[in-house]
Amino acid sequence: MPLDSKVKKVTQAAGKVRGRKGESHAAELVIITGMSGSGKASALKAFEDLGYYCVDNLPVELIPRFAELALQSGEIPRTALVVDVREGSQLEKLPAILKSVKRAIPTRVIYLEASDAALLRRFSETRRPHPLGTGKTVRASLGAERRHLKAIRKIADLVIDTTRFNVHELRAHLTDRFTQESGSQQTILVSCVSFGYKHGLPDDADLVFDVRFLPNPHFVPEFRALTGRDPRVAKYIRSFPQTREFINRISELLIYLLPHYIREGKSYLTISFGCTGGQHRSVMIAEDVNKRLRKAGYKVKVVHRDSPR
């Protein structure tokens, strides 16, 4: 099909789509790209829910024309497009095309990526072949794809590592960041993880704090079989002044650091607290820091890696 015919077909479809509840928004184009299996389809659904007109796998040659049509239309000022490795060699033209398009319409490029381990697991779960073909392993295809997308990643306005996001967390993160109604600037998801050093450090920890300096409830017979989530154990650990001071100092430090992480584009932060077995002290500290960060307005989830064992 000729390019003009493709544009006309897309435009006719777009003309039927309005923003939610007749809302009017300033013109905006969002380009979603990145690694296969990193969550681009889920991201596109999030933008569709926000009232964007969404197109998956639009040929890169059509982007300038599509942006022009979006500017001219009063119906679809906010658009989101997925462009990825399915474009083949044409994808090499994307950086130059975006440079031109950004002069005409406010444009943001979102690049989604994830670790090879996470992507391999996702391909295994979905049993879908990699877009680069079935002639080589998925691992080899991922390596080739990373090399192919290297130049595009460099020009991205926002890079999101979805390794530790599930589908719902990714969509919630994008909704929080792009919704017009939200005035919140706190767009990072924090994970407070408790663990036991005798089971090894968490692989995905960004910050690690050792709480083995606190008195150990393990040596109190009535607490040994319990965890730090039990109110009696928590009260015991909290009764020591060094515990309260540690929680205060760490919470203040994190509340200071988080805006800086957000400013640098970090979307997910894992804070790990370790004690010997991961049952008592680390669990209680993770729970209390979680409460402090939530009170400060951040989205936080708690994971007790080794409790109970």
C-alpha atoms as a PDB file:
ATOM      1  CA  MET A   1       0.000   0.000   0.000  1.00  0.00           C
ATOM      2  CA  PRO A   2       1.433   3.470  -0.896  1.00  0.00           C
ATOM      3  CA  LEU A   3       2.471   5.654   2.039  1.00  0.00           C
ATOM      4  CA  ASP A   4      -0.203   8.292   1.301  1.00  0.00           C
ATOM      5  CA  SER A   5      -2.893   5.628   1.398  1.00  0.00           C
ATOM      6  CA  LYS A   6      -1.591   4.336   4.747  1.00  0.00           C
ATOM      7  CA  VAL A   7      -1.619   7.848   6.175  1.00  0.00           C
ATOM      8  CA  LYS A   8      -5.153   8.423   4.930  1.00  0.00           C
ATOM      9  CA  LYS A   9      -6.319   5.160   6.516  1.00  0.00           C
ATOM     10  CA  VAL A  10      -4.721   6.013   9.878  1.00  0.00           C
ATOM     11  CA  THR A  11      -6.098   9.557   9.724  1.00  0.00           C
ATOM     12  CA  GLN A  12      -9.650   8.397   9.049  1.00  0.00           C
ATOM     13  CA  ALA A  13      -9.466   6.118  12.087  1.00  0.00           C
ATOM     14  CA  ALA A  14      -7.955   8.867  14.185  1.00  0.00           C
ATOM     15  CA  GLY A  15     -10.682  11.312  13.271  1.00  0.00           C
ATOM     16  CA  LYS A  16     -13.198   9.109  15.047  1.00  0.00           C
ATOM     17  CA  VAL A  17     -11.298   9.143  18.362  1.00  0.00           C
ATOM     18  CA  ARG A  18     -11.705  11.815  21.006  1.00  0.00           C
ATOM     19  CA  GLY A  19      -9.975  12.373  24.327  1.00  0.00           C
ATOM     20  CA  ARG A  20     -11.833  11.094  27.367  1.00  0.00           C
ATOM     21  CA  LYS A  21     -14.924  13.103  28.276  1.00  0.00           C
ATOM     22  CA  GLY A  22     -14.284  15.612  25.496  1.00  0.00           C
ATOM     23  CA  GLU A  23     -11.137  16.912  27.177  1.00  0.00           C
ATOM     24  CA  SER A  24      -8.918  19.311  25.235  1.00  0.00           C
ATOM     25  CA  HIS A  25      -5.164  19.008  25.546  1.00  0.00           C
ATOM     26  CA  ALA A  26      -2.130  20.689  24.046  1.00  0.00           C
ATOM     27  CA  ALA A  27      -0.555  18.867  21.109  1.00  0.00           C
ATOM     28  CA  GLU A  28       1.827  16.126  22.189  1.00  0.00           C
ATOM     29  CA  LEU A  29       3.474  13.124  20.559  1.00  0.00           C
ATOM     30  CA  VAL A  30       4.869  10.226  22.602  1.00  0.00           C
ATOM     31  CA  ILE A  31       7.098   7.672  20.920  1.00  0.00           C
ATOM     32  CA  ILE A  32       7.321   4.352  22.780  1.00  0.00           C
ATOM     33  CA  THR A  33      10.257   2.179  21.801  1.00  0.00           C
ATOM     34  CA  GLY A  34      12.711  -0.239  23.335  1.00  0.00           C
ATOM     35  CA  MET A  35      13.409  -3.918  23.788  1.00  0.00           C
ATOM     36  CA  SER A  36      11.002  -6.640  22.739  1.00  0.00           C
ATOM     37  CA  GLY A  37       9.321  -8.028  25.849  1.00  0.00           C
ATOM     38  CA  SER A  38       9.952  -4.891  27.903  1.00  0.00           C
ATOM     39  CA  GLY A  39       6.264  -3.909  28.141  1.00  0.00           C
ATOM     40  CA  LYS A  40       5.621  -1.629  25.156  1.00  0.00           C
ATOM     41  CA  ALA A  41       2.130  -3.058  24.610  1.00  0.00           C
ATOM     42  CA  SER A  42       1.215  -2.420  28.258  1.00  0.00           C
ATOM     43  CA  ALA A  43       2.626   1.092  28.019  1.00  0.00           C
ATOM     44  CA  LEU A  44       0.521   1.789  24.941  1.00  0.00           C
ATOM     45  CA  LYS A  45      -2.604   0.634  26.783  1.00  0.00           C
ATOM     46  CA  ALA A  46      -1.769   3.021  29.628  1.00  0.00           C
ATOM     47  CA  PHE A  47      -1.632   5.943  27.211  1.00  0.00           C
ATOM     48  CA  GLU A  48      -4.864   4.828  25.569  1.00  0.00           C
ATOM     49  CA  ASP A  49      -6.518   4.901  28.999  1.00  0.00           C
ATOM     50  CA  LEU A  50      -5.223   8.465  29.405  1.00  0.00           C
ATOM     51  CA  GLY A  51      -7.045   9.553  26.249  1.00  0.00           C
ATOM     52  CA  TYR A  52      -4.155   9.415  23.780  1.00  0.00           C
ATOM     53  CA  TYR A  53      -4.804   8.209  20.242  1.00  0.00           C
ATOM     54  CA  CYS A  54      -2.545   5.168  20.008  1.00  0.00           C
ATOM     55  CA  VAL A  55      -0.969   3.415  17.042  1.00  0.00           C
ATOM     56  CA  ASP A  56       1.176   0.297  17.256  1.00  0.00           C
ATOM     57  CA  ASN A  57       4.046  -0.254  14.804  1.00  0.00           C
ATOM     58  CA  LEU A  58       3.527   2.836  12.640  1.00  0.00           C
ATOM     59  CA  PRO A  59       6.123   2.906   9.810  1.00  0.00           C
ATOM     60  CA  VAL A  60       8.785   5.476  10.662  1.00  0.00           C
ATOM     61  CA  GLU A  61       8.308   7.291   7.321  1.00  0.00           C
ATOM     62  CA  LEU A  62       4.740   8.093   8.367  1.00  0.00           C
ATOM     63  CA  ILE A  63       5.663   9.763  11.663  1.00  0.00           C
ATOM     64  CA  PRO A  64       6.191  13.299  10.261  1.00  0.00           C
ATOM     65  CA  ARG A  65       2.937  13.156   8.314  1.00  0.00           C
ATOM     66  CA  PHE A  66       1.071  11.722  11.265  1.00  0.00           C
ATOM     67  CA  ALA A  67       2.449  14.454  13.561  1.00  0.00           C
ATOM     68  CA  GLU A  68       1.316  17.074  11.054  1.00  0.00           C
ATOM     69  CA  LEU A  69      -2.180  15.609  10.962  1.00  0.00           C
ATOM     70  CA  ALA A  70      -2.321  15.517  14.765  1.00  0.00           C
ATOM     71  CA  LEU A  71      -1.414  19.213  14.878  1.00  0.00           C
ATOM     72  CA  GLN A  72      -4.141  20.067  12.382  1.00  0.00           C
ATOM     73  CA  SER A  73      -6.789  17.971  14.108  1.00  0.00           C
ATOM     74  CA  GLY A  74      -8.797  19.305  17.013  1.00  0.00           C
ATOM     75  CA  GLU A  75      -9.821  15.745  17.815  1.00  0.00           C
ATOM     76  CA  ILE A  76      -6.525  13.956  18.448  1.00  0.00           C
ATOM     77  CA  PRO A  77      -3.875  16.378  19.730  1.00  0.00           C
ATOM     78  CA  ARG A  78      -2.325  13.786  22.060  1.00  0.00           C
ATOM     79  CA  THR A  79      -0.925  10.739  20.313  1.00  0.00           C
ATOM     80  CA  ALA A  80       1.269   7.805  21.291  1.00  0.00           C
ATOM     81  CA  LEU A  81       3.088   5.552  18.835  1.00  0.00           C
ATOM     82  CA  VAL A  82       5.041   2.337  19.239  1.00  0.00           C
ATOM     83  CA  VAL A  83       8.080   2.077  16.978  1.00  0.00           C
ATOM     84  CA  ASP A  84      10.470  -0.809  17.464  1.00  0.00           C
ATOM     85  CA  VAL A  85      12.727  -3.403  15.907  1.00  0.00           C
ATOM     86  CA  ARG A  86       9.879  -4.767  13.789  1.00  0.00           C
ATOM     87  CA  GLU A  87      10.666  -1.875  11.434  1.00  0.00           C
ATOM     88  CA  GLY A  88      13.875  -3.566  10.378  1.00  0.00           C
ATOM     89  CA  SER A  89      16.498  -1.398   8.704  1.00  0.00           C
ATOM     90  CA  GLN A  90      14.057   1.535   8.471  1.00  0.00           C
ATOM     91  CA  LEU A  91      14.457   2.013  12.218  1.00  0.00           C
ATOM     92  CA  GLU A  92      17.860   3.580  11.571  1.00  0.00           C
ATOM     93  CA  LYS A  93      16.036   6.633  10.193  1.00  0.00           C
ATOM     94  CA  LEU A  94      14.190   7.271  13.464  1.00  0.00           C
ATOM     95  CA  PRO A  95      16.728   9.614  15.171  1.00  0.00           C
ATOM     96  CA  ALA A  96      16.814  11.936  12.148  1.00  0.00           C
ATOM     97  CA  ILE A  97      13.037  11.838  11.762  1.00  0.00           C
ATOM     98  CA  LEU A  98      12.500  12.662  15.429  1.00  0.00           C
ATOM     99  CA  LYS A  99      14.886  15.600  15.206  1.00  0.00           C
ATOM    100  CA  SER A 100      12.653  17.067  12.497  1.00  0.00           C
ATOM    101  CA  VAL A 101       9.366  16.168  14.192  1.00  0.00           C
ATOM    102  CA  LYS A 102      10.393  17.741  17.525  1.00  0.00           C
ATOM    103  CA  ARG A 103      10.607  21.116  15.786  1.00  0.00           C
ATOM    104  CA  ALA A 104       6.939  20.873  14.858  1.00  0.00           C
ATOM    105  CA  ILE A 105       5.278  19.222  17.869  1.00  0.00           C
ATOM    106  CA  PRO A 106       6.314  18.579  21.515  1.00  0.00           C
ATOM    107  CA  THR A 107       7.663  15.043  21.386  1.00  0.00           C
ATOM    108  CA  ARG A 108       8.917  12.683  24.069  1.00  0.00           C
ATOM    109  CA  VAL A 109      10.669   9.388  23.482  1.00  0.00           C
ATOM    110  CA  ILE A 110      10.144   6.644  26.074  1.00  0.00           C
ATOM    111  CA  TYR A 111      12.591   3.761  25.910  1.00  0.00           C
ATOM    112  CA  LEU A 112      11.658   0.572  27.765  1.00  0.00           C
ATOM    113  CA  GLU A 113      14.271  -2.004  28.645  1.00  0.00           C
ATOM    114  CA  ALA A 114      14.801  -4.903  31.034  1.00  0.00           C
ATOM    115  CA  SER A 115      17.544  -7.319  31.994  1.00  0.00           C
ATOM    116  CA  ASP A 116      18.231 -10.264  29.703  1.00  0.00           C
ATOM    117  CA  ALA A 117      17.118 -12.642  32.466  1.00  0.00           C
ATOM    118  CA  ALA A 118      13.731 -10.910  32.742  1.00  0.00           C
ATOM    119  CA  LEU A 119      13.236 -10.768  28.969  1.00  0.00           C
ATOM    120  CA  LEU A 120      14.171 -14.437  28.540  1.00  0.00           C
ATOM    121  CA  ARG A 121      11.671 -15.373  31.243  1.00  0.00           C
ATOM    122  CA  ARG A 122       8.917 -13.335  29.564  1.00  0.00           C
ATOM    123  CA  PHE A 123       9.562 -14.898  26.157  1.00  0.00           C
ATOM    124  CA  SER A 124       9.500 -18.327  27.781  1.00  0.00           C
ATOM    125  CA  GLU A 125       6.202 -17.581  29.515  1.00  0.00           C
ATOM    126  CA  THR A 126       4.477 -16.225  26.401  1.00  0.00           C
ATOM    127  CA  ARG A 127       6.106 -18.765  24.047  1.00  0.00           C
ATOM    128  CA  ARG A 128       6.314 -16.113  21.344  1.00  0.00           C
ATOM    129  CA  PRO A 129       9.278 -15.882  18.958  1.00  0.00           C
ATOM    130  CA  HIS A 130      11.547 -12.859  18.982  1.00  0.00           C
ATOM    131  CA  PRO A 131      10.701 -10.357  16.201  1.00  0.00           C
ATOM    132  CA  LEU A 132      14.164 -10.762  14.692  1.00  0.00           C
ATOM    133  CA  GLY A 133      13.245 -14.299  13.715  1.00  0.00           C
ATOM    134  CA  THR A 134      13.553 -17.904  14.796  1.00  0.00           C
ATOM    135  CA  GLY A 135      16.877 -18.607  13.102  1.00  0.00           C
ATOM    136  CA  LYS A 136      18.800 -18.014  16.308  1.00  0.00           C
ATOM    137  CA  THR A 137      18.244 -18.234  20.043  1.00  0.00           C
ATOM    138  CA  VAL A 138      16.224 -15.602  21.895  1.00  0.00           C
ATOM    139  CA  ARG A 139      19.346 -14.638  23.869  1.00  0.00           C
ATOM    140  CA  ALA A 140      21.280 -14.011  20.647  1.00  0.00           C
ATOM    141  CA  SER A 141      18.355 -12.045  19.215  1.00  0.00           C
ATOM    142  CA  LEU A 142      18.212  -9.859  22.328  1.00  0.00           C
ATOM    143  CA  GLY A 143      21.902  -9.072  21.968  1.00  0.00           C
ATOM    144  CA  ALA A 144      21.419  -8.100  18.329  1.00  0.00           C
ATOM    145  CA  GLU A 145      18.387  -5.992  19.242  1.00  0.00           C
ATOM    146  CA  ARG A 146      20.293  -4.074  21.931  1.00  0.00           C
ATOM    147  CA  ARG A 147      22.982  -3.206  19.401  1.00  0.00           C
ATOM    148  CA  HIS A 148      20.361  -2.168  16.854  1.00  0.00           C
ATOM    149  CA  LEU A 149      18.617   0.130  19.354  1.00  0.00           C
ATOM    150  CA  LYS A 150      21.741   1.655  20.907  1.00  0.00           C
ATOM    151  CA  ALA A 151      21.489   4.961  18.998  1.00  0.00           C
ATOM    152  CA  ILE A 152      17.784   5.310  19.781  1.00  0.00           C
ATOM    153  CA  ARG A 153      18.311   4.718  23.486  1.00  0.00           C
ATOM    154  CA  LYS A 154      20.777   7.607  23.551  1.00  0.00           C
ATOM    155  CA  ILE A 155      18.137  10.088  22.351  1.00  0.00           C
ATOM    156  CA  ALA A 156      15.380   8.884  24.697  1.00  0.00           C
ATOM    157  CA  ASP A 157      13.843  11.460  27.024  1.00  0.00           C
ATOM    158  CA  LEU A 158      12.876   8.784  29.529  1.00  0.00           C
ATOM    159  CA  VAL A 159      14.416   5.335  30.014  1.00  0.00           C
ATOM    160  CA  ILE A 160      12.383   2.915  32.124  1.00  0.00           C
ATOM    161  CA  ASP A 161      13.850  -0.373  33.305  1.00  0.00           C
ATOM    162  CA  THR A 162      10.863  -2.716  33.644  1.00  0.00           C
ATOM    163  CA  THR A 163      12.838  -5.645  35.076  1.00  0.00           C
ATOM    164  CA  ARG A 164      11.110  -5.361  38.448  1.00  0.00           C
ATOM    165  CA  PHE A 165       7.791  -3.989  37.218  1.00  0.00           C
ATOM    166  CA  ASN A 166       4.792  -6.188  36.705  1.00  0.00           C
ATOM    167  CA  VAL A 167       2.200  -5.103  34.127  1.00  0.00           C
ATOM    168  CA  HIS A 168       0.071  -3.239  36.673  1.00  0.00           C
ATOM    169  CA  GLU A 169       3.015  -1.390  38.215  1.00  0.00           C
ATOM    170  CA  LEU A 170       4.271  -0.261  34.799  1.00  0.00           C
ATOM    171  CA  ARG A 171       0.873   1.070  33.801  1.00  0.00           C
ATOM    172  CA  ALA A 172       0.422   2.783  37.166  1.00  0.00           C
ATOM    173  CA  HIS A 173       3.862   4.378  36.870  1.00  0.00           C
ATOM    174  CA  LEU A 174       3.148   5.771  33.403  1.00  0.00           C
ATOM    175  CA  THR A 175      -0.312   6.940  34.445  1.00  0.00           C
ATOM    176  CA  ASP A 176       1.124   8.819  37.420  1.00  0.00           C
ATOM    177  CA  ARG A 177       3.834  10.398  35.306  1.00  0.00           C
ATOM    178  CA  PHE A 178       1.737  11.489  32.344  1.00  0.00           C
ATOM    179  CA  THR A 179      -1.730  12.165  33.667  1.00  0.00           C
ATOM    180  CA  GLN A 180      -2.702  15.812  33.259  1.00  0.00           C
ATOM    181  CA  GLU A 181      -4.733  15.841  36.453  1.00  0.00           C
ATOM    182  CA  SER A 182      -1.942  14.695  38.771  1.00  0.00           C
ATOM    183  CA  GLY A 183       0.210  17.376  40.298  1.00  0.00           C
ATOM    184  CA  SER A 184       2.441  14.810  41.998  1.00  0.00           C
ATOM    185  CA  GLN A 185       6.111  14.826  41.100  1.00  0.00           C
ATOM    186  CA  GLN A 186       6.828  11.694  43.098  1.00  0.00           C
ATOM    187  CA  THR A 187       6.905   9.191  40.255  1.00  0.00           C
ATOM    188  CA  ILE A 188       9.244   6.575  41.697  1.00  0.00           C
ATOM    189  CA  LEU A 189       8.198   3.177  43.026  1.00  0.00           C
ATOM    190  CA  VAL A 190      10.136   2.218  46.152  1.00  0.00           C
ATOM    191  CA  SER A 191      10.573  -1.358  47.294  1.00  0.00           C
ATOM    192  CA  CYS A 192      11.597  -1.975  50.928  1.00  0.00           C
ATOM    193  CA  VAL A 193      13.141  -5.445  51.122  1.00  0.00           C
ATOM    194  CA  SER A 194      14.109  -7.365  54.245  1.00  0.00           C
ATOM    195  CA  PHE A 195      16.624 -10.188  53.920  1.00  0.00           C
ATOM    196  CA  GLY A 196      19.000 -12.397  55.881  1.00  0.00           C
ATOM    197  CA  TYR A 197      22.734 -12.162  55.269  1.00  0.00           C
ATOM    198  CA  LYS A 198      23.117 -15.895  55.751  1.00  0.00           C
ATOM    199  CA  HIS A 199      20.960 -16.360  52.620  1.00  0.00           C
ATOM    200  CA  GLY A 200      22.960 -13.894  50.541  1.00  0.00           C
ATOM    201  CA  LEU A 201      22.491 -10.305  49.377  1.00  0.00           C
ATOM    202  CA  PRO A 202      19.474  -9.464  47.176  1.00  0.00           C
ATOM    203  CA  ASP A 203      20.519  -9.372  43.519  1.00  0.00           C
ATOM    204  CA  ASP A 204      18.458  -6.298  42.691  1.00  0.00           C
ATOM    205  CA  ALA A 205      19.311  -4.078  45.686  1.00  0.00           C
ATOM    206  CA  ASP A 206      20.115  -0.423  44.957  1.00  0.00           C
ATOM    207  CA  LEU A 207      20.792   0.506  48.599  1.00  0.00           C
ATOM    208  CA  VAL A 208      21.720  -1.961  51.365  1.00  0.00           C
ATOM    209  CA  PHE A 209      21.617  -1.242  55.104  1.00  0.00           C
ATOM    210  CA  ASP A 210      22.986  -3.669  57.690  1.00  0.00           C
ATOM    211  CA  VAL A 211      20.822  -3.745  60.843  1.00  0.00           C
ATOM    212  CA  ARG A 212      22.718  -6.511  62.642  1.00  0.00           C
ATOM    213  CA  PHE A 213      23.954  -3.938  65.162  1.00  0.00           C
ATOM    214  CA  LEU A 214      20.486  -3.988  66.769  1.00  0.00           C
ATOM    215  CA  PRO A 215      19.691  -6.433  69.620  1.00  0.00           C
ATOM    216  CA  ASN A 216      18.543  -9.750  68.183  1.00  0.00           C
ATOM    217  CA  PRO A 217      15.072 -11.053  69.213  1.00  0.00           C
ATOM    218  CA  HIS A 218      16.188 -14.516  68.106  1.00  0.00           C
ATOM    219  CA  PHE A 219      17.811 -14.928  71.492  1.00  0.00           C
ATOM    220  CA  VAL A 220      14.549 -14.174  73.325  1.00  0.00           C
ATOM    221  CA  PRO A 221      12.838 -17.601  73.504  1.00  0.00           C
ATOM    222  CA  GLU A 222       9.283 -16.252  73.260  1.00  0.00           C
ATOM    223  CA  PHE A 223      10.161 -14.295  70.062  1.00  0.00           C
ATOM    224  CA  ARG A 224      12.250 -16.907  68.261  1.00  0.00           C
ATOM    225  CA  ALA A 225       9.379 -18.449  66.286  1.00  0.00           C
ATOM    226  CA  LEU A 226       7.832 -15.066  65.452  1.00  0.00           C
ATOM    227  CA  THR A 227       8.806 -12.408  62.902  1.00  0.00           C
ATOM    228  CA  GLY A 228       9.339  -8.662  62.992  1.00  0.00           C
ATOM    229  CA  ARG A 229       5.754  -8.149  61.854  1.00  0.00           C
ATOM    230  CA  ASP A 230       4.474  -9.388  65.198  1.00  0.00           C
ATOM    231  CA  PRO A 231       3.600  -6.338  67.377  1.00  0.00           C
ATOM    232  CA  ARG A 232       5.404  -7.824  70.383  1.00  0.00           C
ATOM    233  CA  VAL A 233       8.635  -8.333  68.448  1.00  0.00           C
ATOM    234  CA  ALA A 234       8.379  -4.900  66.827  1.00  0.00           C
ATOM    235  CA  LYS A 235       7.817  -3.301  70.230  1.00  0.00           C
ATOM    236  CA  TYR A 236      10.878  -5.085  71.629  1.00  0.00           C
ATOM    237  CA  ILE A 237      13.158  -3.957  68.763  1.00  0.00           C
ATOM    238  CA  ARG A 238      11.740  -0.437  68.849  1.00  0.00           C
ATOM    239  CA  SER A 239      12.375  -0.184  72.603  1.00  0.00           C
ATOM    240  CA  PHE A 240      16.083   0.388  72.022  1.00  0.00           C
ATOM    241  CA  PRO A 241      17.116   4.012  71.403  1.00  0.00           C
ATOM    242  CA  GLN A 242      19.501   3.042  68.602  1.00  0.00           C
ATOM    243  CA  THR A 243      16.573   1.513  66.709  1.00  0.00           C
ATOM    244  CA  ARG A 244      14.513   4.679  66.841  1.00  0.00           C
ATOM    245  CA  GLU A 245      17.493   6.838  65.904  1.00  0.00           C
ATOM    246  CA  PHE A 246      18.378   4.559  62.988  1.00  0.00           C
ATOM    247  CA  ILE A 247      14.839   4.654  61.600  1.00  0.00           C
ATOM    248  CA  ASN A 248      14.726   8.442  61.922  1.00  0.00           C
ATOM    249  CA  ARG A 249      18.118   8.975  60.281  1.00  0.00           C
ATOM    250  CA  ILE A 250      17.545   6.498  57.441  1.00  0.00           C
ATOM    251  CA  SER A 251      14.056   7.841  56.711  1.00  0.00           C
ATOM    252  CA  GLU A 252      15.362  11.415  56.596  1.00  0.00           C
ATOM    253  CA  LEU A 253      18.193  10.345  54.292  1.00  0.00           C
ATOM    254  CA  LEU A 254      15.833   8.543  51.906  1.00  0.00           C
ATOM    255  CA  ILE A 255      13.340  11.417  51.831  1.00  0.00           C
ATOM    256  CA  TYR A 256      16.273  13.660  50.912  1.00  0.00           C
ATOM    257  CA  LEU A 257      17.593  11.275  48.228  1.00  0.00           C
ATOM    258  CA  LEU A 258      14.368  10.276  46.470  1.00  0.00           C
ATOM    259  CA  PRO A 259      13.701  13.609  44.690  1.00  0.00           C
ATOM    260  CA  HIS A 260      17.256  13.461  43.320  1.00  0.00           C
ATOM    261  CA  TYR A 261      16.703   9.924  42.017  1.00  0.00           C
ATOM    262  CA  ILE A 262      13.458  11.067  40.390  1.00  0.00           C
ATOM    263  CA  ARG A 263      15.236  14.018  38.787  1.00  0.00           C
ATOM    264  CA  GLU A 264      17.733  11.596  37.251  1.00  0.00           C
ATOM    265  CA  GLY A 265      14.889   9.586  35.727  1.00  0.00           C
ATOM    266  CA  LYS A 266      15.025   6.581  38.062  1.00  0.00           C
ATOM    267  CA  SER A 267      11.646   4.886  38.136  1.00  0.00           C
ATOM    268  CA  TYR A 268      12.263   2.095  40.668  1.00  0.00           C
ATOM    269  CA  LEU A 269      14.404   1.986  43.796  1.00  0.00           C
ATOM    270  CA  THR A 270      15.045  -1.118  45.908  1.00  0.00           C
ATOM    271  CA  ILE A 271      16.141  -0.448  49.486  1.00  0.00           C
ATOM    272  CA  SER A 272      17.277  -3.558  51.337  1.00  0.00           C
ATOM    273  CA  PHE A 273      17.631  -4.070  55.079  1.00  0.00           C
ATOM    274  CA  GLY A 274      19.578  -7.105  56.252  1.00  0.00           C
ATOM    275  CA  CYS A 275      19.910  -8.932  59.548  1.00  0.00           C
ATOM    276  CA  THR A 276      21.296 -12.393  60.223  1.00  0.00           C
ATOM    277  CA  GLY A 277      18.336 -14.566  59.290  1.00  0.00           C
ATOM    278  CA  GLY A 278      15.923 -12.067  57.779  1.00  0.00           C
ATOM    279  CA  GLN A 279      13.185 -12.847  60.298  1.00  0.00           C
ATOM    280  CA  HIS A 280      13.095 -10.148  62.960  1.00  0.00           C
ATOM    281  CA  ARG A 281      15.137  -6.938  62.816  1.00  0.00           C
ATOM    282  CA  SER A 282      15.223  -6.431  59.048  1.00  0.00           C
ATOM    283  CA  VAL A 283      11.508  -7.181  58.775  1.00  0.00           C
ATOM    284  CA  MET A 284      10.555  -4.661  61.460  1.00  0.00           C
ATOM    285  CA  ILE A 285      12.847  -1.955  60.000  1.00  0.00           C
ATOM    286  CA  ALA A 286      11.515  -2.464  56.456  1.00  0.00           C
ATOM    287  CA  GLU A 287       7.944  -2.128  57.728  1.00  0.00           C
ATOM    288  CA  ASP A 288       8.681   1.063  59.681  1.00  0.00           C
ATOM    289  CA  VAL A 289      10.626   2.736  56.857  1.00  0.00           C
ATOM    290  CA  ASN A 290       7.788   1.817  54.513  1.00  0.00           C
ATOM    291  CA  LYS A 291       5.358   3.707  56.748  1.00  0.00           C
ATOM    292  CA  ARG A 292       7.630   6.769  56.904  1.00  0.00           C
ATOM    293  CA  LEU A 293       8.023   6.913  53.117  1.00  0.00           C
ATOM    294  CA  ARG A 294       4.305   6.413  52.520  1.00  0.00           C
ATOM    295  CA  LYS A 295       3.589   9.254  54.933  1.00  0.00           C
ATOM    296  CA  ALA A 296       5.965  11.408  52.859  1.00  0.00           C
ATOM    297  CA  GLY A 297       3.808  10.680  49.801  1.00  0.00           C
ATOM    298  CA  TYR A 298       5.782   7.971  48.008  1.00  0.00           C
ATOM    299  CA  LYS A 299       4.489   4.723  46.532  1.00  0.00           C
ATOM    300  CA  VAL A 300       6.109   1.901  48.475  1.00  0.00           C
ATOM    301  CA  LYS A 301       5.796  -1.850  48.567  1.00  0.00           C
ATOM    302  CA  VAL A 302       7.341  -4.199  51.148  1.00  0.00           C
ATOM    303  CA  VAL A 303       8.958  -7.528  50.332  1.00  0.00           C
ATOM    304  CA  HIS A 304      10.185  -9.915  53.043  1.00  0.00           C
ATOM    305  CA  ARG A 305      12.484 -12.137  51.029  1.00  0.00           C
ATOM    306  CA  ASP A 306      13.438 -14.601  53.738  1.00  0.00           C
ATOM    307  CA  SER A 307      10.514 -14.374  56.140  1.00  0.00           C
ATOM    308  CA  PRO A 308       9.191 -16.823  57.029  1.00  0.00           C
ATOM    309  CA  ARG A 309      11.502 -19.702  56.151  1.00  0.00           C
END
